[in-house]
Amino acid sequence: MKYIFLKLIISSGIITIVSEISKKSSFIGGLVASIPLISVLSMIWLYIDSRDIEKIKNLSTSIFWMVIPSLVLFLSIPILINIGFNFWYSLIIAIILTITSYLLTIIILSHYGIKL
């Protein structure tokens, strides 16, 4: 139980740090947020929990393929705000577009025999 609590504290601490940095500088906040800290921590936690290199390899590959459709979120929010949508509508629409992109990516990858 202590281990789960430690993982929770470290992982949520990173989110808090990024949010606080972003208040002072959106560039630095974006830079820190773009570092795949959550992915790296997930691989570390998975390795510590399982010692299974195959799982780490598969997680890393899945993260790679899922980064591509996640870019839709970051591209669509500023576009939607620029055309007049408020933040909340922009966020909701961007999330729907991103989920759609994830689904399309999974369908396309499976069509080409790439298993995630």
N, C-alpha and C. Protein backbone atom coordinates (compact mmCIF):
# COMPACT_ATOMS: atom_id res chain seq x y z
N MET A 1 0.81 -1.19 0.00
CA MET A 1 0.00 0.00 0.00
C MET A 1 0.86 1.26 0.00
N LYS A 2 1.97 1.25 0.71
CA LYS A 2 2.87 2.40 0.73
C LYS A 2 3.43 2.68 -0.66
N TYR A 3 3.71 1.60 -1.40
CA TYR A 3 4.26 1.72 -2.74
C TYR A 3 3.25 2.40 -3.68
N ILE A 4 1.99 2.02 -3.60
CA ILE A 4 0.95 2.63 -4.42
C ILE A 4 0.82 4.11 -4.06
N PHE A 5 0.87 4.42 -2.79
CA PHE A 5 0.79 5.81 -2.34
C PHE A 5 1.98 6.61 -2.87
N LEU A 6 3.17 6.03 -2.84
CA LEU A 6 4.37 6.69 -3.36
C LEU A 6 4.21 6.97 -4.86
N LYS A 7 3.71 6.00 -5.62
CA LYS A 7 3.48 6.19 -7.06
C LYS A 7 2.48 7.32 -7.28
N LEU A 8 1.44 7.35 -6.50
CA LEU A 8 0.41 8.38 -6.62
C LEU A 8 0.98 9.77 -6.33
N ILE A 9 1.75 9.89 -5.28
CA ILE A 9 2.34 11.18 -4.89
C ILE A 9 3.30 11.69 -5.97
N ILE A 10 4.18 10.83 -6.44
CA ILE A 10 5.16 11.24 -7.46
C ILE A 10 4.45 11.64 -8.75
N SER A 11 3.53 10.80 -9.21
CA SER A 11 2.85 11.05 -10.47
C SER A 11 1.99 12.31 -10.41
N SER A 12 1.22 12.49 -9.34
CA SER A 12 0.39 13.69 -9.22
C SER A 12 1.24 14.93 -8.95
N GLY A 13 2.36 14.74 -8.30
CA GLY A 13 3.27 15.86 -8.06
C GLY A 13 3.78 16.47 -9.35
N ILE A 14 4.04 15.64 -10.33
CA ILE A 14 4.51 16.13 -11.63
C ILE A 14 3.45 17.01 -12.28
N ILE A 15 2.20 16.58 -12.22
CA ILE A 15 1.11 17.37 -12.80
C ILE A 15 1.02 18.72 -12.10
N THR A 16 1.13 18.71 -10.78
CA THR A 16 1.07 19.97 -10.01
C THR A 16 2.23 20.89 -10.38
N ILE A 17 3.41 20.33 -10.50
CA ILE A 17 4.58 21.14 -10.85
C ILE A 17 4.41 21.78 -12.22
N VAL A 18 3.94 21.01 -13.21
CA VAL A 18 3.74 21.55 -14.55
C VAL A 18 2.71 22.67 -14.51
N SER A 19 1.64 22.47 -13.78
CA SER A 19 0.60 23.49 -13.70
C SER A 19 1.12 24.77 -13.05
N GLU A 20 1.93 24.65 -12.02
CA GLU A 20 2.49 25.82 -11.34
C GLU A 20 3.52 26.53 -12.23
N ILE A 21 4.35 25.77 -12.92
CA ILE A 21 5.33 26.37 -13.83
C ILE A 21 4.60 27.12 -14.95
N SER A 22 3.51 26.54 -15.46
CA SER A 22 2.76 27.15 -16.56
C SER A 22 2.14 28.48 -16.19
N LYS A 23 1.87 28.69 -14.91
CA LYS A 23 1.34 29.98 -14.47
C LYS A 23 2.35 31.10 -14.71
N LYS A 24 3.62 30.76 -14.59
CA LYS A 24 4.68 31.74 -14.74
C LYS A 24 5.16 31.84 -16.19
N SER A 25 5.24 30.69 -16.89
CA SER A 25 5.71 30.68 -18.26
C SER A 25 5.06 29.52 -19.01
N SER A 26 4.22 29.87 -19.99
CA SER A 26 3.57 28.80 -20.75
C SER A 26 4.59 28.02 -21.58
N PHE A 27 5.65 28.70 -22.01
CA PHE A 27 6.68 28.00 -22.78
C PHE A 27 7.39 26.95 -21.92
N ILE A 28 7.85 27.35 -20.73
CA ILE A 28 8.55 26.40 -19.85
C ILE A 28 7.58 25.30 -19.40
N GLY A 29 6.34 25.67 -19.08
CA GLY A 29 5.33 24.67 -18.71
C GLY A 29 5.11 23.68 -19.84
N GLY A 30 5.01 24.20 -21.07
CA GLY A 30 4.84 23.33 -22.23
C GLY A 30 6.04 22.44 -22.45
N LEU A 31 7.22 23.00 -22.24
CA LEU A 31 8.45 22.21 -22.39
C LEU A 31 8.48 21.06 -21.39
N VAL A 32 8.19 21.36 -20.13
CA VAL A 32 8.19 20.32 -19.10
C VAL A 32 7.09 19.28 -19.37
N ALA A 33 5.90 19.78 -19.77
CA ALA A 33 4.79 18.86 -20.04
C ALA A 33 5.07 17.98 -21.25
N SER A 34 5.84 18.49 -22.20
CA SER A 34 6.11 17.70 -23.41
C SER A 34 7.12 16.58 -23.17
N ILE A 35 7.88 16.70 -22.11
CA ILE A 35 8.80 15.61 -21.75
C ILE A 35 7.93 14.43 -21.33
N PRO A 36 8.16 13.28 -21.88
CA PRO A 36 7.26 12.15 -21.59
C PRO A 36 7.45 11.56 -20.19
N LEU A 37 7.32 12.44 -19.17
CA LEU A 37 7.54 12.00 -17.79
C LEU A 37 6.55 10.91 -17.37
N ILE A 38 5.29 11.07 -17.75
CA ILE A 38 4.29 10.07 -17.35
C ILE A 38 4.61 8.74 -18.02
N SER A 39 5.01 8.78 -19.28
CA SER A 39 5.38 7.55 -19.98
C SER A 39 6.59 6.89 -19.33
N VAL A 40 7.59 7.70 -19.03
CA VAL A 40 8.80 7.16 -18.39
C VAL A 40 8.46 6.58 -17.02
N LEU A 41 7.69 7.32 -16.22
CA LEU A 41 7.30 6.80 -14.91
C LEU A 41 6.48 5.52 -15.04
N SER A 42 5.59 5.47 -16.02
CA SER A 42 4.79 4.26 -16.22
C SER A 42 5.68 3.07 -16.55
N MET A 43 6.69 3.30 -17.38
CA MET A 43 7.61 2.20 -17.69
C MET A 43 8.41 1.78 -16.46
N ILE A 44 8.82 2.77 -15.67
CA ILE A 44 9.57 2.44 -14.44
C ILE A 44 8.68 1.63 -13.49
N TRP A 45 7.44 2.12 -13.25
CA TRP A 45 6.54 1.41 -12.33
C TRP A 45 6.26 0.00 -12.85
N LEU A 46 6.02 -0.12 -14.16
CA LEU A 46 5.74 -1.44 -14.74
C LEU A 46 6.94 -2.37 -14.58
N TYR A 47 8.13 -1.84 -14.82
CA TYR A 47 9.33 -2.68 -14.67
C TYR A 47 9.53 -3.11 -13.22
N ILE A 48 9.38 -2.16 -12.29
CA ILE A 48 9.54 -2.50 -10.87
C ILE A 48 8.50 -3.55 -10.46
N ASP A 49 7.26 -3.39 -10.96
CA ASP A 49 6.19 -4.32 -10.60
C ASP A 49 6.33 -5.69 -11.25
N SER A 50 6.81 -5.73 -12.50
CA SER A 50 6.76 -7.00 -13.23
C SER A 50 8.13 -7.55 -13.65
N ARG A 51 9.12 -6.70 -13.80
CA ARG A 51 10.43 -7.09 -14.33
C ARG A 51 10.30 -7.73 -15.71
N ASP A 52 9.23 -7.40 -16.41
CA ASP A 52 8.93 -8.01 -17.71
C ASP A 52 9.32 -7.03 -18.83
N ILE A 53 10.45 -7.29 -19.46
CA ILE A 53 10.96 -6.42 -20.52
C ILE A 53 10.02 -6.41 -21.72
N GLU A 54 9.37 -7.51 -21.99
CA GLU A 54 8.42 -7.58 -23.12
C GLU A 54 7.27 -6.60 -22.89
N LYS A 55 6.78 -6.50 -21.66
CA LYS A 55 5.71 -5.55 -21.36
C LYS A 55 6.21 -4.11 -21.54
N ILE A 56 7.43 -3.84 -21.16
CA ILE A 56 8.01 -2.51 -21.33
C ILE A 56 8.11 -2.18 -22.82
N LYS A 57 8.60 -3.13 -23.59
CA LYS A 57 8.72 -2.94 -25.04
C LYS A 57 7.36 -2.66 -25.67
N ASN A 58 6.36 -3.45 -25.29
CA ASN A 58 5.02 -3.28 -25.84
C ASN A 58 4.40 -1.94 -25.42
N LEU A 59 4.61 -1.55 -24.17
CA LEU A 59 4.11 -0.25 -23.70
C LEU A 59 4.75 0.88 -24.48
N SER A 60 6.05 0.82 -24.65
CA SER A 60 6.77 1.86 -25.38
C SER A 60 6.28 1.97 -26.82
N THR A 61 6.08 0.84 -27.47
CA THR A 61 5.57 0.84 -28.85
C THR A 61 4.17 1.44 -28.90
N SER A 62 3.31 1.05 -27.97
CA SER A 62 1.95 1.58 -27.94
C SER A 62 1.95 3.08 -27.70
N ILE A 63 2.81 3.54 -26.80
CA ILE A 63 2.91 4.98 -26.55
C ILE A 63 3.32 5.71 -27.82
N PHE A 64 4.29 5.15 -28.54
CA PHE A 64 4.73 5.78 -29.79
C PHE A 64 3.56 5.97 -30.74
N TRP A 65 2.81 4.91 -30.98
CA TRP A 65 1.70 5.00 -31.93
C TRP A 65 0.59 5.92 -31.44
N MET A 66 0.38 6.01 -30.14
CA MET A 66 -0.70 6.83 -29.62
C MET A 66 -0.32 8.30 -29.46
N VAL A 67 0.96 8.63 -29.55
CA VAL A 67 1.37 10.04 -29.51
C VAL A 67 0.85 10.75 -30.75
N ILE A 68 0.87 10.07 -31.87
CA ILE A 68 0.46 10.69 -33.14
C ILE A 68 -0.97 11.22 -33.07
N PRO A 69 -1.98 10.41 -32.71
CA PRO A 69 -3.34 10.98 -32.64
C PRO A 69 -3.54 11.96 -31.49
N SER A 70 -2.70 11.88 -30.46
CA SER A 70 -2.86 12.83 -29.34
C SER A 70 -2.51 14.25 -29.76
N LEU A 71 -1.75 14.40 -30.82
CA LEU A 71 -1.39 15.73 -31.31
C LEU A 71 -2.62 16.51 -31.78
N VAL A 72 -3.68 15.80 -32.15
CA VAL A 72 -4.92 16.45 -32.57
C VAL A 72 -5.43 17.38 -31.47
N LEU A 73 -5.32 16.97 -30.22
CA LEU A 73 -5.78 17.79 -29.10
C LEU A 73 -5.05 19.14 -29.08
N PHE A 74 -3.74 19.07 -29.20
CA PHE A 74 -2.92 20.27 -29.08
C PHE A 74 -3.03 21.18 -30.30
N LEU A 75 -3.38 20.61 -31.43
CA LEU A 75 -3.59 21.42 -32.64
C LEU A 75 -4.99 22.04 -32.67
N SER A 76 -5.98 21.28 -32.22
CA SER A 76 -7.36 21.75 -32.37
C SER A 76 -7.76 22.80 -31.33
N ILE A 77 -7.25 22.73 -30.12
CA ILE A 77 -7.64 23.71 -29.10
C ILE A 77 -7.34 25.15 -29.54
N PRO A 78 -6.11 25.48 -29.95
CA PRO A 78 -5.88 26.87 -30.35
C PRO A 78 -6.69 27.26 -31.60
N ILE A 79 -6.89 26.33 -32.51
CA ILE A 79 -7.69 26.63 -33.71
C ILE A 79 -9.12 26.95 -33.31
N LEU A 80 -9.70 26.11 -32.46
CA LEU A 80 -11.09 26.33 -32.03
C LEU A 80 -11.25 27.64 -31.25
N ILE A 81 -10.30 27.94 -30.40
CA ILE A 81 -10.36 29.20 -29.65
C ILE A 81 -10.23 30.39 -30.61
N ASN A 82 -9.33 30.26 -31.58
CA ASN A 82 -9.14 31.35 -32.55
C ASN A 82 -10.37 31.60 -33.41
N ILE A 83 -11.17 30.57 -33.65
CA ILE A 83 -12.37 30.81 -34.47
C ILE A 83 -13.58 31.21 -33.62
N GLY A 84 -13.38 31.34 -32.31
CA GLY A 84 -14.43 31.93 -31.48
C GLY A 84 -15.06 31.04 -30.43
N PHE A 85 -14.68 29.77 -30.34
CA PHE A 85 -15.23 28.92 -29.29
C PHE A 85 -14.59 29.29 -27.96
N ASN A 86 -15.35 29.18 -26.87
CA ASN A 86 -14.75 29.43 -25.56
C ASN A 86 -13.90 28.23 -25.14
N PHE A 87 -13.18 28.37 -24.05
CA PHE A 87 -12.25 27.32 -23.63
C PHE A 87 -12.94 25.97 -23.45
N TRP A 88 -14.07 25.96 -22.72
CA TRP A 88 -14.71 24.68 -22.39
C TRP A 88 -15.23 23.96 -23.63
N TYR A 89 -15.87 24.71 -24.54
CA TYR A 89 -16.34 24.09 -25.78
C TYR A 89 -15.15 23.60 -26.61
N SER A 90 -14.11 24.41 -26.66
CA SER A 90 -12.91 24.02 -27.40
C SER A 90 -12.32 22.73 -26.84
N LEU A 91 -12.25 22.66 -25.51
CA LEU A 91 -11.70 21.47 -24.87
C LEU A 91 -12.55 20.24 -25.15
N ILE A 92 -13.85 20.37 -25.03
CA ILE A 92 -14.75 19.24 -25.28
C ILE A 92 -14.65 18.77 -26.73
N ILE A 93 -14.70 19.71 -27.66
CA ILE A 93 -14.60 19.34 -29.08
C ILE A 93 -13.24 18.71 -29.37
N ALA A 94 -12.18 19.29 -28.80
CA ALA A 94 -10.83 18.75 -29.01
C ALA A 94 -10.71 17.33 -28.46
N ILE A 95 -11.32 17.08 -27.31
CA ILE A 95 -11.28 15.72 -26.73
C ILE A 95 -12.03 14.75 -27.63
N ILE A 96 -13.19 15.16 -28.15
CA ILE A 96 -13.95 14.29 -29.06
C ILE A 96 -13.14 14.02 -30.33
N LEU A 97 -12.51 15.05 -30.87
CA LEU A 97 -11.67 14.87 -32.06
C LEU A 97 -10.49 13.93 -31.78
N THR A 98 -9.92 14.08 -30.58
CA THR A 98 -8.78 13.24 -30.20
C THR A 98 -9.20 11.78 -30.04
N ILE A 99 -10.33 11.55 -29.39
CA ILE A 99 -10.84 10.18 -29.24
C ILE A 99 -11.09 9.58 -30.62
N THR A 100 -11.68 10.36 -31.51
CA THR A 100 -11.92 9.90 -32.88
C THR A 100 -10.59 9.56 -33.57
N SER A 101 -9.59 10.40 -33.36
CA SER A 101 -8.26 10.14 -33.94
C SER A 101 -7.65 8.87 -33.38
N TYR A 102 -7.81 8.65 -32.07
CA TYR A 102 -7.33 7.40 -31.48
C TYR A 102 -8.00 6.20 -32.13
N LEU A 103 -9.31 6.25 -32.25
CA LEU A 103 -10.04 5.13 -32.84
C LEU A 103 -9.61 4.88 -34.28
N LEU A 104 -9.49 5.95 -35.06
CA LEU A 104 -9.04 5.79 -36.44
C LEU A 104 -7.63 5.22 -36.52
N THR A 105 -6.76 5.69 -35.64
CA THR A 105 -5.38 5.17 -35.61
C THR A 105 -5.37 3.69 -35.29
N ILE A 106 -6.15 3.28 -34.31
CA ILE A 106 -6.21 1.86 -33.93
C ILE A 106 -6.74 1.02 -35.10
N ILE A 107 -7.77 1.52 -35.77
CA ILE A 107 -8.34 0.80 -36.92
C ILE A 107 -7.31 0.69 -38.05
N ILE A 108 -6.65 1.80 -38.35
CA ILE A 108 -5.65 1.80 -39.43
C ILE A 108 -4.48 0.87 -39.08
N LEU A 109 -3.97 0.97 -37.85
CA LEU A 109 -2.85 0.10 -37.45
C LEU A 109 -3.24 -1.37 -37.50
N SER A 110 -4.43 -1.69 -37.04
CA SER A 110 -4.86 -3.11 -37.06
C SER A 110 -5.03 -3.59 -38.49
N HIS A 111 -5.45 -2.70 -39.39
CA HIS A 111 -5.56 -3.06 -40.81
C HIS A 111 -4.22 -3.47 -41.38
N TYR A 112 -3.14 -2.83 -40.91
CA TYR A 112 -1.80 -3.15 -41.37
C TYR A 112 -1.10 -4.19 -40.50
N GLY A 113 -1.84 -4.81 -39.59
CA GLY A 113 -1.29 -5.89 -38.78
C GLY A 113 -0.47 -5.45 -37.59
N ILE A 114 -0.56 -4.19 -37.22
CA ILE A 114 0.18 -3.68 -36.06
C ILE A 114 -0.72 -3.82 -34.84
N LYS A 115 -0.29 -4.64 -33.90
CA LYS A 115 -1.09 -4.89 -32.69
C LYS A 115 -0.60 -4.01 -31.56
N LEU A 116 -1.56 -3.43 -30.86
CA LEU A 116 -1.20 -2.57 -29.72
C LEU A 116 -1.54 -3.24 -28.43
